[in-house]
Amino acid sequence: MITTRVTVQIDRPVDEVFAFVTDPANFPRWAGALVKESRQTSPGSVGVGTTFTQANVLMGRRFVSEMRVVTYEPPGRFEYETTSGPIRFAGHYTFAPVGGNSTRFTSVDESEPSGLLRYLQPLLQPFAQRQITTNLARLKAIIEAQPASPVNVIGP
């Protein structure tokens, strides 16, 4: 099993970060080195049971994985796992407010390569850790570059 754990502080409110990260259509924007395409395959809003498909590239090989949301607790926790594909994968994301307008986002990812990749796990672990660290730096840059949500002002 390959397990990575990376935390980043994003200077945006937790609701904004949660909404961006949990939209499967956004995965290629911030995890593009591994996730080339991602689209929701079930109807309705994202929640427990939502399914989506991802086209991934690892070591130059393209493969498709089917995923399912297993935990959806806005704005604090989001988890998903593969239901089919060559690599068993689970993403565990937590979101915690920091101060008034920042979010501490933690990504814990677990993958179980099969076939010949299973024997390369010791080599893949540091690669995976570096890649997730890079992905979260990209996520931070993308979200912080977006215009801040308007603040509701009450009063005259």
C-alpha atoms as a PDB file:
ATOM      1  CA  MET A   1       0.000   0.000   0.000  1.00  0.00           C
ATOM      2  CA  ILE A   2       1.247   3.493  -0.887  1.00  0.00           C
ATOM      3  CA  THR A   3       0.067   6.168   1.540  1.00  0.00           C
ATOM      4  CA  THR A   4       0.691   9.893   1.249  1.00  0.00           C
ATOM      5  CA  ARG A   5      -0.281  12.669   3.631  1.00  0.00           C
ATOM      6  CA  VAL A   6       0.084  16.338   2.664  1.00  0.00           C
ATOM      7  CA  THR A   7      -1.339  19.462   4.295  1.00  0.00           C
ATOM      8  CA  VAL A   8      -1.512  22.950   2.812  1.00  0.00           C
ATOM      9  CA  GLN A   9      -2.983  26.197   4.092  1.00  0.00           C
ATOM     10  CA  ILE A  10      -5.137  27.981   1.506  1.00  0.00           C
ATOM     11  CA  ASP A  11      -6.045  31.626   2.003  1.00  0.00           C
ATOM     12  CA  ARG A  12      -9.735  31.192   1.278  1.00  0.00           C
ATOM     13  CA  PRO A  13     -12.694  30.291   3.517  1.00  0.00           C
ATOM     14  CA  VAL A  14     -13.321  26.614   4.134  1.00  0.00           C
ATOM     15  CA  ASP A  15     -16.652  26.610   2.231  1.00  0.00           C
ATOM     16  CA  GLU A  16     -14.947  27.857  -0.941  1.00  0.00           C
ATOM     17  CA  VAL A  17     -12.102  25.341  -0.726  1.00  0.00           C
ATOM     18  CA  PHE A  18     -14.498  22.466  -0.004  1.00  0.00           C
ATOM     19  CA  ALA A  19     -16.742  23.379  -2.965  1.00  0.00           C
ATOM     20  CA  PHE A  20     -13.799  23.579  -5.378  1.00  0.00           C
ATOM     21  CA  VAL A  21     -12.026  20.414  -4.239  1.00  0.00           C
ATOM     22  CA  THR A  22     -15.136  18.214  -4.137  1.00  0.00           C
ATOM     23  CA  ASP A  23     -16.229  19.009  -7.695  1.00  0.00           C
ATOM     24  CA  PRO A  24     -14.934  16.087  -9.814  1.00  0.00           C
ATOM     25  CA  ALA A  25     -14.726  18.366 -12.867  1.00  0.00           C
ATOM     26  CA  ASN A  26     -11.991  20.365 -11.083  1.00  0.00           C
ATOM     27  CA  PHE A  27      -9.686  17.393 -10.365  1.00  0.00           C
ATOM     28  CA  PRO A  28      -7.698  17.745 -13.630  1.00  0.00           C
ATOM     29  CA  ARG A  29      -7.091  21.438 -12.892  1.00  0.00           C
ATOM     30  CA  TRP A  30      -5.122  20.721  -9.729  1.00  0.00           C
ATOM     31  CA  ALA A  31      -4.094  17.062 -10.115  1.00  0.00           C
ATOM     32  CA  GLY A  32      -3.408  17.242 -13.846  1.00  0.00           C
ATOM     33  CA  ALA A  33      -0.148  15.307 -13.782  1.00  0.00           C
ATOM     34  CA  LEU A  34      -2.122  12.226 -12.718  1.00  0.00           C
ATOM     35  CA  VAL A  35      -5.754  13.062 -13.545  1.00  0.00           C
ATOM     36  CA  LYS A  36      -6.252  13.983 -17.198  1.00  0.00           C
ATOM     37  CA  GLU A  37     -10.060  13.884 -17.249  1.00  0.00           C
ATOM     38  CA  SER A  38     -12.730  13.612 -14.582  1.00  0.00           C
ATOM     39  CA  ARG A  39     -16.482  13.788 -14.917  1.00  0.00           C
ATOM     40  CA  GLN A  40     -19.449  12.980 -12.746  1.00  0.00           C
ATOM     41  CA  THR A  41     -21.438   9.986 -14.027  1.00  0.00           C
ATOM     42  CA  SER A  42     -24.398  10.048 -11.637  1.00  0.00           C
ATOM     43  CA  PRO A  43     -27.189  12.637 -11.653  1.00  0.00           C
ATOM     44  CA  GLY A  44     -27.661  15.375  -9.087  1.00  0.00           C
ATOM     45  CA  SER A  45     -25.388  17.234  -6.709  1.00  0.00           C
ATOM     46  CA  VAL A  46     -22.243  15.681  -5.296  1.00  0.00           C
ATOM     47  CA  GLY A  47     -22.899  13.657  -2.145  1.00  0.00           C
ATOM     48  CA  VAL A  48     -22.496  10.158  -0.703  1.00  0.00           C
ATOM     49  CA  GLY A  49     -22.932   7.672  -3.542  1.00  0.00           C
ATOM     50  CA  THR A  50     -22.035  10.100  -6.338  1.00  0.00           C
ATOM     51  CA  THR A  51     -20.025   8.351  -9.040  1.00  0.00           C
ATOM     52  CA  PHE A  52     -17.442   9.751 -11.399  1.00  0.00           C
ATOM     53  CA  THR A  53     -14.894   8.496 -13.865  1.00  0.00           C
ATOM     54  CA  GLN A  54     -11.276   9.551 -14.206  1.00  0.00           C
ATOM     55  CA  ALA A  55      -8.767   9.100 -16.983  1.00  0.00           C
ATOM     56  CA  ASN A  56      -5.362   8.839 -15.326  1.00  0.00           C
ATOM     57  CA  VAL A  57      -1.771   8.631 -16.524  1.00  0.00           C
ATOM     58  CA  LEU A  58       0.922   6.888 -14.499  1.00  0.00           C
ATOM     59  CA  MET A  59       4.393   6.146 -15.811  1.00  0.00           C
ATOM     60  CA  GLY A  60       3.232   7.010 -19.326  1.00  0.00           C
ATOM     61  CA  ARG A  61       0.291   4.598 -19.242  1.00  0.00           C
ATOM     62  CA  ARG A  62      -3.268   5.843 -19.515  1.00  0.00           C
ATOM     63  CA  PHE A  63      -6.071   4.048 -17.674  1.00  0.00           C
ATOM     64  CA  VAL A  64      -9.627   4.741 -16.583  1.00  0.00           C
ATOM     65  CA  SER A  65     -10.921   4.402 -13.039  1.00  0.00           C
ATOM     66  CA  GLU A  66     -14.478   4.494 -11.792  1.00  0.00           C
ATOM     67  CA  MET A  67     -14.899   6.263  -8.439  1.00  0.00           C
ATOM     68  CA  ARG A  68     -17.583   6.644  -5.763  1.00  0.00           C
ATOM     69  CA  VAL A  69     -17.978   9.250  -3.011  1.00  0.00           C
ATOM     70  CA  VAL A  70     -18.130   7.461   0.351  1.00  0.00           C
ATOM     71  CA  THR A  71     -18.105  10.454   2.738  1.00  0.00           C
ATOM     72  CA  TYR A  72     -19.519  13.898   2.083  1.00  0.00           C
ATOM     73  CA  GLU A  73     -19.674  16.123   5.165  1.00  0.00           C
ATOM     74  CA  PRO A  74     -19.504  19.796   4.102  1.00  0.00           C
ATOM     75  CA  PRO A  75     -17.372  21.668   4.814  1.00  0.00           C
ATOM     76  CA  GLY A  76     -15.146  19.290   6.793  1.00  0.00           C
ATOM     77  CA  ARG A  77     -14.650  15.897   5.142  1.00  0.00           C
ATOM     78  CA  PHE A  78     -14.762  14.293   1.684  1.00  0.00           C
ATOM     79  CA  GLU A  79     -13.697  10.755   0.773  1.00  0.00           C
ATOM     80  CA  TYR A  80     -13.852   8.711  -2.393  1.00  0.00           C
ATOM     81  CA  GLU A  81     -12.610   5.335  -3.598  1.00  0.00           C
ATOM     82  CA  THR A  82     -12.232   3.358  -6.795  1.00  0.00           C
ATOM     83  CA  THR A  83     -14.909   0.893  -7.753  1.00  0.00           C
ATOM     84  CA  SER A  84     -13.009  -0.342 -10.830  1.00  0.00           C
ATOM     85  CA  GLY A  85      -9.657   0.210 -12.481  1.00  0.00           C
ATOM     86  CA  PRO A  86      -6.136  -1.202 -12.336  1.00  0.00           C
ATOM     87  CA  ILE A  87      -5.169   0.614  -9.110  1.00  0.00           C
ATOM     88  CA  ARG A  88      -7.239   0.577  -5.938  1.00  0.00           C
ATOM     89  CA  PHE A  89      -7.285   4.151  -4.673  1.00  0.00           C
ATOM     90  CA  ALA A  90      -8.923   6.102  -1.865  1.00  0.00           C
ATOM     91  CA  GLY A  91      -8.730   9.843  -1.237  1.00  0.00           C
ATOM     92  CA  HIS A  92      -9.448  11.169   2.266  1.00  0.00           C
ATOM     93  CA  TYR A  93      -9.714  14.971   2.423  1.00  0.00           C
ATOM     94  CA  THR A  94     -10.240  17.101   5.508  1.00  0.00           C
ATOM     95  CA  PHE A  95     -10.866  20.835   5.629  1.00  0.00           C
ATOM     96  CA  ALA A  96     -10.437  22.942   8.769  1.00  0.00           C
ATOM     97  CA  PRO A  97     -10.958  26.686   9.151  1.00  0.00           C
ATOM     98  CA  VAL A  98      -7.900  28.672  10.185  1.00  0.00           C
ATOM     99  CA  GLY A  99      -8.639  32.151  11.455  1.00  0.00           C
ATOM    100  CA  GLY A 100     -11.500  33.758   9.603  1.00  0.00           C
ATOM    101  CA  ASN A 101     -10.601  33.296   5.963  1.00  0.00           C
ATOM    102  CA  SER A 102      -8.121  30.442   5.559  1.00  0.00           C
ATOM    103  CA  THR A 103      -8.412  26.683   5.309  1.00  0.00           C
ATOM    104  CA  ARG A 104      -6.072  23.891   6.351  1.00  0.00           C
ATOM    105  CA  PHE A 105      -6.578  21.205   3.697  1.00  0.00           C
ATOM    106  CA  THR A 106      -5.172  17.739   4.326  1.00  0.00           C
ATOM    107  CA  SER A 107      -5.053  15.047   1.682  1.00  0.00           C
ATOM    108  CA  VAL A 108      -4.410  11.441   2.713  1.00  0.00           C
ATOM    109  CA  ASP A 109      -4.264   9.170  -0.306  1.00  0.00           C
ATOM    110  CA  GLU A 110      -3.951   5.401  -0.315  1.00  0.00           C
ATOM    111  CA  SER A 111      -3.275   3.349  -3.416  1.00  0.00           C
ATOM    112  CA  GLU A 112      -2.737  -0.336  -4.011  1.00  0.00           C
ATOM    113  CA  PRO A 113      -1.061  -1.005  -7.381  1.00  0.00           C
ATOM    114  CA  SER A 114      -1.670  -4.371  -8.980  1.00  0.00           C
ATOM    115  CA  GLY A 115       0.284  -6.500 -11.407  1.00  0.00           C
ATOM    116  CA  LEU A 116       3.891  -5.528 -12.017  1.00  0.00           C
ATOM    117  CA  LEU A 117       3.369  -2.102 -10.404  1.00  0.00           C
ATOM    118  CA  ARG A 118       2.889  -3.919  -7.089  1.00  0.00           C
ATOM    119  CA  TYR A 119       6.615  -4.727  -7.088  1.00  0.00           C
ATOM    120  CA  LEU A 120       7.534  -1.075  -7.657  1.00  0.00           C
ATOM    121  CA  GLN A 121       5.808   0.229  -4.514  1.00  0.00           C
ATOM    122  CA  PRO A 122       9.065   1.203  -2.744  1.00  0.00           C
ATOM    123  CA  LEU A 123       9.972   3.343  -5.770  1.00  0.00           C
ATOM    124  CA  LEU A 124       6.466   4.735  -6.207  1.00  0.00           C
ATOM    125  CA  GLN A 125       6.060   5.929  -2.600  1.00  0.00           C
ATOM    126  CA  PRO A 126       8.451   8.929  -2.806  1.00  0.00           C
ATOM    127  CA  PHE A 127       7.172   9.733  -6.316  1.00  0.00           C
ATOM    128  CA  ALA A 128       3.582   9.765  -5.029  1.00  0.00           C
ATOM    129  CA  GLN A 129       4.498  11.963  -2.050  1.00  0.00           C
ATOM    130  CA  ARG A 130       6.227  14.507  -4.315  1.00  0.00           C
ATOM    131  CA  GLN A 131       3.365  14.453  -6.793  1.00  0.00           C
ATOM    132  CA  ILE A 132       0.671  15.067  -4.160  1.00  0.00           C
ATOM    133  CA  THR A 133       2.775  17.889  -2.660  1.00  0.00           C
ATOM    134  CA  THR A 134       3.015  19.461  -6.131  1.00  0.00           C
ATOM    135  CA  ASN A 135      -0.714  18.980  -6.726  1.00  0.00           C
ATOM    136  CA  LEU A 136      -1.644  20.731  -3.482  1.00  0.00           C
ATOM    137  CA  ALA A 137       0.693  23.636  -4.241  1.00  0.00           C
ATOM    138  CA  ARG A 138      -1.102  23.955  -7.598  1.00  0.00           C
ATOM    139  CA  LEU A 139      -4.481  23.742  -5.829  1.00  0.00           C
ATOM    140  CA  LYS A 140      -3.467  26.541  -3.450  1.00  0.00           C
ATOM    141  CA  ALA A 141      -2.322  28.749  -6.346  1.00  0.00           C
ATOM    142  CA  ILE A 142      -5.494  28.155  -8.373  1.00  0.00           C
ATOM    143  CA  ILE A 143      -7.909  28.837  -5.520  1.00  0.00           C
ATOM    144  CA  GLU A 144      -6.023  31.866  -4.223  1.00  0.00           C
ATOM    145  CA  ALA A 145      -5.902  33.341  -7.750  1.00  0.00           C
ATOM    146  CA  GLN A 146      -9.693  33.283  -8.027  1.00  0.00           C
ATOM    147  CA  PRO A 147     -11.592  36.408  -7.002  1.00  0.00           C
ATOM    148  CA  ALA A 148     -12.732  36.252  -3.377  1.00  0.00           C
ATOM    149  CA  SER A 149     -16.419  35.567  -2.838  1.00  0.00           C
ATOM    150  CA  PRO A 150     -18.423  38.704  -2.096  1.00  0.00           C
ATOM    151  CA  VAL A 151     -18.997  39.374   1.576  1.00  0.00           C
ATOM    152  CA  ASN A 152     -22.532  40.098   2.688  1.00  0.00           C
ATOM    153  CA  VAL A 153     -22.626  43.431   4.461  1.00  0.00           C
ATOM    154  CA  ILE A 154     -25.583  44.103   6.727  1.00  0.00           C
ATOM    155  CA  GLY A 155     -26.557  47.607   7.685  1.00  0.00           C
ATOM    156  CA  PRO A 156     -26.585  51.072   6.136  1.00  0.00           C
END
